[in-house]
Amino acid sequence: MNLELALRMTEAAMKQAFREGAAISVAIVDEGGNLVSFQRMEGAEISGPSLARGKAYTSVALRRATSELAALTVPGGELAGLAGAGFVCFGGGVPLWSGYGEGERVVGGVGVSGGTITQDVACAEAAASVWDAR
């Protein structure tokens, strides 16, 4: 992950947000969950910066999209109680992978917040597509 690529990913998420009619915050983190790039669109929700970064961090830490976590974190679920531990467990976070097969590993993450869950996921996937096309 480098700044130039992270900025292109952030831009892709914001372009998708314009198409979706959403005002978002988007965060790109590296493999350690450290912030590399962040943008907040005018009019985005006050909670967006915190949630976007949280979704990006969560996707890296758990190596899965945050949209997969809601069902797992309900009482009695495999990951019950996880959301209370500072993880954001609803859609909008996507891990970024590098390598293939047994060498595949998470090298960063995207987090988007401000739209509906569907909009956040679409924007995060738009950013991740820039990573995939690198």
N, C-alpha and C. Protein backbone atom coordinates (compact mmCIF):
# COMPACT_ATOMS: atom_id res chain seq x y z
N MET A 1 0.85 -1.18 0.00
CA MET A 1 0.00 0.00 0.00
C MET A 1 0.89 1.23 0.00
N ASN A 2 0.61 2.14 -0.91
CA ASN A 2 1.34 3.41 -0.90
C ASN A 2 0.34 4.55 -1.04
N LEU A 3 0.78 5.75 -0.75
CA LEU A 3 -0.11 6.90 -0.73
C LEU A 3 -0.76 7.15 -2.08
N GLU A 4 -0.01 7.06 -3.16
CA GLU A 4 -0.57 7.35 -4.50
C GLU A 4 -1.73 6.40 -4.81
N LEU A 5 -1.54 5.13 -4.53
CA LEU A 5 -2.61 4.15 -4.79
C LEU A 5 -3.78 4.37 -3.84
N ALA A 6 -3.49 4.65 -2.58
CA ALA A 6 -4.56 4.91 -1.61
C ALA A 6 -5.40 6.12 -2.01
N LEU A 7 -4.76 7.16 -2.54
CA LEU A 7 -5.50 8.34 -2.99
C LEU A 7 -6.39 8.02 -4.18
N ARG A 8 -5.90 7.19 -5.10
CA ARG A 8 -6.73 6.76 -6.24
C ARG A 8 -7.92 5.94 -5.77
N MET A 9 -7.72 5.12 -4.77
CA MET A 9 -8.81 4.32 -4.23
C MET A 9 -9.85 5.21 -3.54
N THR A 10 -9.37 6.19 -2.79
CA THR A 10 -10.26 7.13 -2.12
C THR A 10 -11.11 7.87 -3.16
N GLU A 11 -10.47 8.30 -4.24
CA GLU A 11 -11.18 9.00 -5.31
C GLU A 11 -12.24 8.11 -5.96
N ALA A 12 -11.92 6.85 -6.17
CA ALA A 12 -12.89 5.92 -6.77
C ALA A 12 -14.11 5.75 -5.87
N ALA A 13 -13.89 5.68 -4.56
CA ALA A 13 -15.02 5.56 -3.63
C ALA A 13 -15.90 6.80 -3.68
N MET A 14 -15.27 7.98 -3.74
CA MET A 14 -16.04 9.22 -3.78
C MET A 14 -16.81 9.37 -5.10
N LYS A 15 -16.21 8.96 -6.20
CA LYS A 15 -16.92 9.00 -7.48
C LYS A 15 -18.15 8.10 -7.44
N GLN A 16 -17.99 6.92 -6.83
CA GLN A 16 -19.14 6.02 -6.70
C GLN A 16 -20.21 6.64 -5.80
N ALA A 17 -19.78 7.33 -4.75
CA ALA A 17 -20.73 7.99 -3.86
C ALA A 17 -21.54 9.05 -4.60
N PHE A 18 -20.88 9.82 -5.48
CA PHE A 18 -21.60 10.80 -6.29
C PHE A 18 -22.66 10.10 -7.14
N ARG A 19 -22.30 8.97 -7.75
CA ARG A 19 -23.26 8.20 -8.56
C ARG A 19 -24.41 7.68 -7.71
N GLU A 20 -24.09 7.31 -6.48
CA GLU A 20 -25.09 6.75 -5.56
C GLU A 20 -25.95 7.83 -4.90
N GLY A 21 -25.50 9.07 -4.97
CA GLY A 21 -26.21 10.15 -4.29
C GLY A 21 -25.96 10.16 -2.79
N ALA A 22 -24.78 9.71 -2.38
CA ALA A 22 -24.44 9.62 -0.96
C ALA A 22 -23.30 10.58 -0.64
N ALA A 23 -23.25 11.04 0.60
CA ALA A 23 -22.13 11.85 1.10
C ALA A 23 -21.40 10.96 2.11
N ILE A 24 -20.17 10.59 1.77
CA ILE A 24 -19.46 9.58 2.55
C ILE A 24 -18.15 10.09 3.15
N SER A 25 -17.65 9.31 4.07
CA SER A 25 -16.26 9.38 4.52
C SER A 25 -15.63 8.08 4.08
N VAL A 26 -14.38 8.14 3.62
CA VAL A 26 -13.69 6.92 3.17
C VAL A 26 -12.28 6.91 3.76
N ALA A 27 -11.90 5.74 4.27
CA ALA A 27 -10.58 5.56 4.86
C ALA A 27 -9.89 4.37 4.21
N ILE A 28 -8.60 4.52 3.94
CA ILE A 28 -7.77 3.44 3.43
C ILE A 28 -6.69 3.20 4.48
N VAL A 29 -6.54 1.94 4.91
CA VAL A 29 -5.52 1.60 5.90
C VAL A 29 -4.56 0.57 5.33
N ASP A 30 -3.37 0.48 5.92
CA ASP A 30 -2.39 -0.51 5.50
C ASP A 30 -2.61 -1.82 6.27
N GLU A 31 -1.71 -2.77 6.11
CA GLU A 31 -1.88 -4.09 6.71
C GLU A 31 -1.86 -4.07 8.24
N GLY A 32 -1.36 -3.01 8.83
CA GLY A 32 -1.38 -2.87 10.28
C GLY A 32 -2.57 -2.08 10.79
N GLY A 33 -3.47 -1.69 9.88
CA GLY A 33 -4.63 -0.90 10.26
C GLY A 33 -4.33 0.58 10.41
N ASN A 34 -3.15 1.01 9.95
CA ASN A 34 -2.75 2.42 10.05
C ASN A 34 -3.32 3.22 8.89
N LEU A 35 -3.84 4.38 9.18
CA LEU A 35 -4.46 5.23 8.17
C LEU A 35 -3.44 5.70 7.14
N VAL A 36 -3.78 5.49 5.86
CA VAL A 36 -2.94 5.94 4.75
C VAL A 36 -3.60 7.10 4.03
N SER A 37 -4.93 7.02 3.84
CA SER A 37 -5.65 8.07 3.13
C SER A 37 -7.05 8.20 3.74
N PHE A 38 -7.56 9.43 3.78
CA PHE A 38 -8.90 9.68 4.30
C PHE A 38 -9.50 10.89 3.59
N GLN A 39 -10.77 10.79 3.26
CA GLN A 39 -11.51 11.93 2.71
C GLN A 39 -12.92 11.91 3.29
N ARG A 40 -13.45 13.10 3.54
CA ARG A 40 -14.84 13.25 3.99
C ARG A 40 -15.51 14.22 3.04
N MET A 41 -16.58 13.77 2.42
CA MET A 41 -17.32 14.63 1.49
C MET A 41 -18.12 15.67 2.27
N GLU A 42 -18.31 16.82 1.67
CA GLU A 42 -19.14 17.86 2.27
C GLU A 42 -20.53 17.28 2.54
N GLY A 43 -21.02 17.50 3.74
CA GLY A 43 -22.35 17.02 4.11
C GLY A 43 -22.38 15.61 4.67
N ALA A 44 -21.23 14.97 4.76
CA ALA A 44 -21.19 13.61 5.30
C ALA A 44 -21.51 13.64 6.80
N GLU A 45 -22.05 12.56 7.27
CA GLU A 45 -22.45 12.44 8.67
C GLU A 45 -21.28 12.64 9.62
N ILE A 46 -21.56 13.12 10.82
CA ILE A 46 -20.54 13.37 11.82
C ILE A 46 -19.85 12.09 12.28
N SER A 47 -20.56 10.97 12.25
CA SER A 47 -19.99 9.69 12.68
C SER A 47 -19.14 9.03 11.60
N GLY A 48 -19.21 9.53 10.38
CA GLY A 48 -18.54 8.91 9.25
C GLY A 48 -17.04 8.71 9.40
N PRO A 49 -16.28 9.72 9.84
CA PRO A 49 -14.84 9.51 9.95
C PRO A 49 -14.47 8.36 10.88
N SER A 50 -15.12 8.29 12.01
CA SER A 50 -14.82 7.22 12.97
C SER A 50 -15.26 5.85 12.44
N LEU A 51 -16.45 5.80 11.86
CA LEU A 51 -16.95 4.52 11.35
C LEU A 51 -16.18 4.04 10.13
N ALA A 52 -15.81 4.96 9.24
CA ALA A 52 -15.06 4.55 8.04
C ALA A 52 -13.72 3.94 8.44
N ARG A 53 -13.02 4.61 9.33
CA ARG A 53 -11.73 4.08 9.77
C ARG A 53 -11.93 2.77 10.52
N GLY A 54 -12.97 2.69 11.33
CA GLY A 54 -13.27 1.45 12.06
C GLY A 54 -13.58 0.29 11.14
N LYS A 55 -14.33 0.56 10.08
CA LYS A 55 -14.64 -0.51 9.12
C LYS A 55 -13.39 -0.98 8.39
N ALA A 56 -12.53 -0.04 8.01
CA ALA A 56 -11.28 -0.41 7.34
C ALA A 56 -10.42 -1.25 8.28
N TYR A 57 -10.26 -0.82 9.51
CA TYR A 57 -9.46 -1.55 10.49
C TYR A 57 -10.05 -2.95 10.73
N THR A 58 -11.35 -3.02 10.92
CA THR A 58 -12.02 -4.30 11.17
C THR A 58 -11.80 -5.27 10.03
N SER A 59 -11.89 -4.78 8.79
CA SER A 59 -11.72 -5.67 7.63
C SER A 59 -10.31 -6.24 7.56
N VAL A 60 -9.32 -5.46 8.00
CA VAL A 60 -7.94 -5.94 8.03
C VAL A 60 -7.75 -6.92 9.19
N ALA A 61 -8.20 -6.53 10.37
CA ALA A 61 -7.99 -7.34 11.56
C ALA A 61 -8.65 -8.72 11.45
N LEU A 62 -9.83 -8.77 10.84
CA LEU A 62 -10.57 -10.03 10.76
C LEU A 62 -10.48 -10.69 9.38
N ARG A 63 -9.80 -10.02 8.44
CA ARG A 63 -9.58 -10.55 7.10
C ARG A 63 -10.87 -10.97 6.40
N ARG A 64 -11.88 -10.12 6.53
CA ARG A 64 -13.15 -10.35 5.84
C ARG A 64 -13.92 -9.04 5.72
N ALA A 65 -14.84 -9.03 4.78
CA ALA A 65 -15.69 -7.85 4.60
C ALA A 65 -16.57 -7.67 5.83
N THR A 66 -16.74 -6.43 6.25
CA THR A 66 -17.56 -6.18 7.44
C THR A 66 -19.02 -6.55 7.21
N SER A 67 -19.47 -6.60 5.96
CA SER A 67 -20.85 -7.00 5.68
C SER A 67 -21.12 -8.44 6.11
N GLU A 68 -20.09 -9.25 6.26
CA GLU A 68 -20.24 -10.65 6.68
C GLU A 68 -20.39 -10.79 8.19
N LEU A 69 -20.13 -9.72 8.93
CA LEU A 69 -20.04 -9.83 10.38
C LEU A 69 -21.35 -9.68 11.13
N ALA A 70 -22.32 -8.97 10.58
CA ALA A 70 -23.56 -8.71 11.32
C ALA A 70 -24.21 -10.00 11.81
N ALA A 71 -24.35 -10.98 10.94
CA ALA A 71 -24.99 -12.23 11.32
C ALA A 71 -24.16 -13.02 12.33
N LEU A 72 -22.86 -12.83 12.31
CA LEU A 72 -21.98 -13.59 13.21
C LEU A 72 -21.88 -12.99 14.60
N THR A 73 -22.28 -11.72 14.76
CA THR A 73 -22.10 -11.03 16.04
C THR A 73 -23.37 -10.94 16.88
N VAL A 74 -24.45 -11.53 16.42
CA VAL A 74 -25.69 -11.54 17.20
C VAL A 74 -25.51 -12.46 18.41
N PRO A 75 -26.31 -12.27 19.46
CA PRO A 75 -26.20 -13.16 20.62
C PRO A 75 -26.30 -14.63 20.18
N GLY A 76 -25.35 -15.42 20.63
CA GLY A 76 -25.31 -16.83 20.25
C GLY A 76 -24.53 -17.08 18.98
N GLY A 77 -24.15 -16.02 18.27
CA GLY A 77 -23.40 -16.15 17.02
C GLY A 77 -21.95 -16.50 17.29
N GLU A 78 -21.28 -16.95 16.26
CA GLU A 78 -19.88 -17.36 16.35
C GLU A 78 -18.97 -16.26 16.91
N LEU A 79 -19.29 -15.00 16.61
CA LEU A 79 -18.48 -13.87 17.07
C LEU A 79 -19.28 -12.93 17.97
N ALA A 80 -20.21 -13.47 18.74
CA ALA A 80 -21.05 -12.66 19.63
C ALA A 80 -20.17 -11.81 20.54
N GLY A 81 -20.54 -10.55 20.70
CA GLY A 81 -19.80 -9.64 21.56
C GLY A 81 -18.67 -8.90 20.88
N LEU A 82 -18.35 -9.27 19.66
CA LEU A 82 -17.24 -8.65 18.96
C LEU A 82 -17.46 -7.15 18.74
N ALA A 83 -18.67 -6.77 18.37
CA ALA A 83 -18.94 -5.36 18.08
C ALA A 83 -18.65 -4.48 19.29
N GLY A 84 -18.87 -4.98 20.47
CA GLY A 84 -18.60 -4.23 21.69
C GLY A 84 -17.11 -4.08 21.96
N ALA A 85 -16.29 -4.78 21.22
CA ALA A 85 -14.84 -4.73 21.42
C ALA A 85 -14.17 -3.69 20.52
N GLY A 86 -14.96 -2.80 19.93
CA GLY A 86 -14.40 -1.74 19.10
C GLY A 86 -14.38 -2.04 17.62
N PHE A 87 -14.88 -3.19 17.22
CA PHE A 87 -14.96 -3.52 15.80
C PHE A 87 -16.28 -3.02 15.24
N VAL A 88 -16.28 -2.64 13.97
CA VAL A 88 -17.49 -2.18 13.29
C VAL A 88 -18.01 -3.33 12.44
N CYS A 89 -19.19 -3.80 12.77
CA CYS A 89 -19.67 -5.07 12.21
C CYS A 89 -20.89 -4.92 11.32
N PHE A 90 -20.84 -3.96 10.41
CA PHE A 90 -21.86 -3.85 9.36
C PHE A 90 -21.19 -3.34 8.10
N GLY A 91 -21.85 -3.50 6.98
CA GLY A 91 -21.25 -3.31 5.66
C GLY A 91 -20.56 -1.98 5.42
N GLY A 92 -19.49 -2.05 4.60
CA GLY A 92 -18.75 -0.87 4.20
C GLY A 92 -17.25 -1.02 4.37
N GLY A 93 -16.80 -2.14 4.93
CA GLY A 93 -15.38 -2.41 5.08
C GLY A 93 -14.97 -3.59 4.22
N VAL A 94 -13.87 -3.45 3.48
CA VAL A 94 -13.41 -4.49 2.57
C VAL A 94 -11.90 -4.67 2.74
N PRO A 95 -11.45 -5.92 2.97
CA PRO A 95 -10.01 -6.15 3.04
C PRO A 95 -9.40 -6.16 1.64
N LEU A 96 -8.13 -5.82 1.56
CA LEU A 96 -7.39 -5.83 0.30
C LEU A 96 -6.36 -6.95 0.37
N TRP A 97 -6.36 -7.81 -0.63
CA TRP A 97 -5.52 -9.00 -0.64
C TRP A 97 -4.39 -8.88 -1.64
N SER A 98 -3.29 -9.56 -1.35
CA SER A 98 -2.16 -9.64 -2.26
C SER A 98 -1.65 -11.07 -2.26
N GLY A 99 -1.15 -11.51 -3.40
CA GLY A 99 -0.63 -12.87 -3.52
C GLY A 99 -1.71 -13.85 -3.93
N TYR A 100 -1.31 -15.09 -4.05
CA TYR A 100 -2.22 -16.15 -4.48
C TYR A 100 -1.99 -17.40 -3.65
N GLY A 101 -3.03 -18.21 -3.53
CA GLY A 101 -2.90 -19.49 -2.85
C GLY A 101 -2.44 -19.30 -1.41
N GLU A 102 -1.48 -20.10 -1.01
CA GLU A 102 -1.00 -20.06 0.37
C GLU A 102 -0.22 -18.78 0.67
N GLY A 103 0.22 -18.06 -0.35
CA GLY A 103 0.93 -16.81 -0.15
C GLY A 103 0.01 -15.60 -0.06
N GLU A 104 -1.29 -15.82 -0.18
CA GLU A 104 -2.25 -14.72 -0.14
C GLU A 104 -2.34 -14.15 1.28
N ARG A 105 -2.35 -12.81 1.38
CA ARG A 105 -2.45 -12.16 2.68
C ARG A 105 -3.14 -10.82 2.55
N VAL A 106 -3.69 -10.35 3.65
CA VAL A 106 -4.33 -9.03 3.69
C VAL A 106 -3.25 -7.97 3.82
N VAL A 107 -3.29 -6.99 2.94
CA VAL A 107 -2.28 -5.93 2.94
C VAL A 107 -2.88 -4.54 3.17
N GLY A 108 -4.17 -4.47 3.42
CA GLY A 108 -4.81 -3.19 3.66
C GLY A 108 -6.31 -3.37 3.72
N GLY A 109 -7.00 -2.25 3.86
CA GLY A 109 -8.46 -2.28 3.91
C GLY A 109 -9.05 -0.94 3.53
N VAL A 110 -10.31 -1.00 3.13
CA VAL A 110 -11.10 0.18 2.78
C VAL A 110 -12.28 0.23 3.73
N GLY A 111 -12.61 1.41 4.21
CA GLY A 111 -13.81 1.60 5.01
C GLY A 111 -14.58 2.81 4.51
N VAL A 112 -15.89 2.64 4.36
CA VAL A 112 -16.75 3.72 3.88
C VAL A 112 -17.95 3.83 4.80
N SER A 113 -18.33 5.06 5.15
CA SER A 113 -19.51 5.30 5.97
C SER A 113 -20.16 6.60 5.54
N GLY A 114 -21.47 6.63 5.61
CA GLY A 114 -22.22 7.86 5.32
C GLY A 114 -23.47 7.64 4.50
N GLY A 115 -23.47 6.60 3.69
CA GLY A 115 -24.65 6.27 2.91
C GLY A 115 -25.43 5.16 3.59
N THR A 116 -26.31 4.53 2.83
CA THR A 116 -26.94 3.31 3.32
C THR A 116 -25.87 2.22 3.33
N ILE A 117 -26.15 1.12 3.95
CA ILE A 117 -25.19 0.02 3.95
C ILE A 117 -24.88 -0.39 2.51
N THR A 118 -25.90 -0.48 1.67
CA THR A 118 -25.71 -0.86 0.27
C THR A 118 -24.81 0.15 -0.44
N GLN A 119 -25.02 1.43 -0.21
CA GLN A 119 -24.18 2.46 -0.81
C GLN A 119 -22.75 2.39 -0.29
N ASP A 120 -22.60 2.20 1.01
CA ASP A 120 -21.26 2.09 1.59
C ASP A 120 -20.50 0.92 0.99
N VAL A 121 -21.17 -0.22 0.85
CA VAL A 121 -20.53 -1.41 0.26
C VAL A 121 -20.14 -1.13 -1.18
N ALA A 122 -21.02 -0.51 -1.96
CA ALA A 122 -20.72 -0.21 -3.36
C ALA A 122 -19.51 0.72 -3.48
N CYS A 123 -19.42 1.70 -2.60
CA CYS A 123 -18.29 2.64 -2.63
C CYS A 123 -16.99 1.95 -2.22
N ALA A 124 -17.06 1.11 -1.20
CA ALA A 124 -15.87 0.37 -0.76
C ALA A 124 -15.40 -0.59 -1.87
N GLU A 125 -16.34 -1.23 -2.53
CA GLU A 125 -15.98 -2.14 -3.63
C GLU A 125 -15.37 -1.38 -4.80
N ALA A 126 -15.85 -0.16 -5.06
CA ALA A 126 -15.27 0.68 -6.13
C ALA A 126 -13.80 0.98 -5.80
N ALA A 127 -13.52 1.30 -4.55
CA ALA A 127 -12.14 1.54 -4.14
C ALA A 127 -11.31 0.28 -4.26
N ALA A 128 -11.86 -0.84 -3.81
CA ALA A 128 -11.12 -2.12 -3.87
C ALA A 128 -10.84 -2.53 -5.31
N SER A 129 -11.69 -2.14 -6.24
CA SER A 129 -11.47 -2.50 -7.65
C SER A 129 -10.22 -1.81 -8.19
N VAL A 130 -9.88 -0.63 -7.66
CA VAL A 130 -8.64 0.05 -8.05
C VAL A 130 -7.45 -0.78 -7.55
N TRP A 131 -7.53 -1.30 -6.35
CA TRP A 131 -6.47 -2.17 -5.81
C TRP A 131 -6.32 -3.41 -6.70
N ASP A 132 -7.45 -4.03 -7.03
CA ASP A 132 -7.42 -5.26 -7.84
C ASP A 132 -6.83 -5.04 -9.22
N ALA A 133 -7.01 -3.83 -9.77
CA ALA A 133 -6.56 -3.52 -11.14
C ALA A 133 -5.11 -2.99 -11.18
N ARG A 134 -4.48 -2.84 -10.05
CA ARG A 134 -3.13 -2.24 -10.01
C ARG A 134 -2.12 -3.01 -10.83
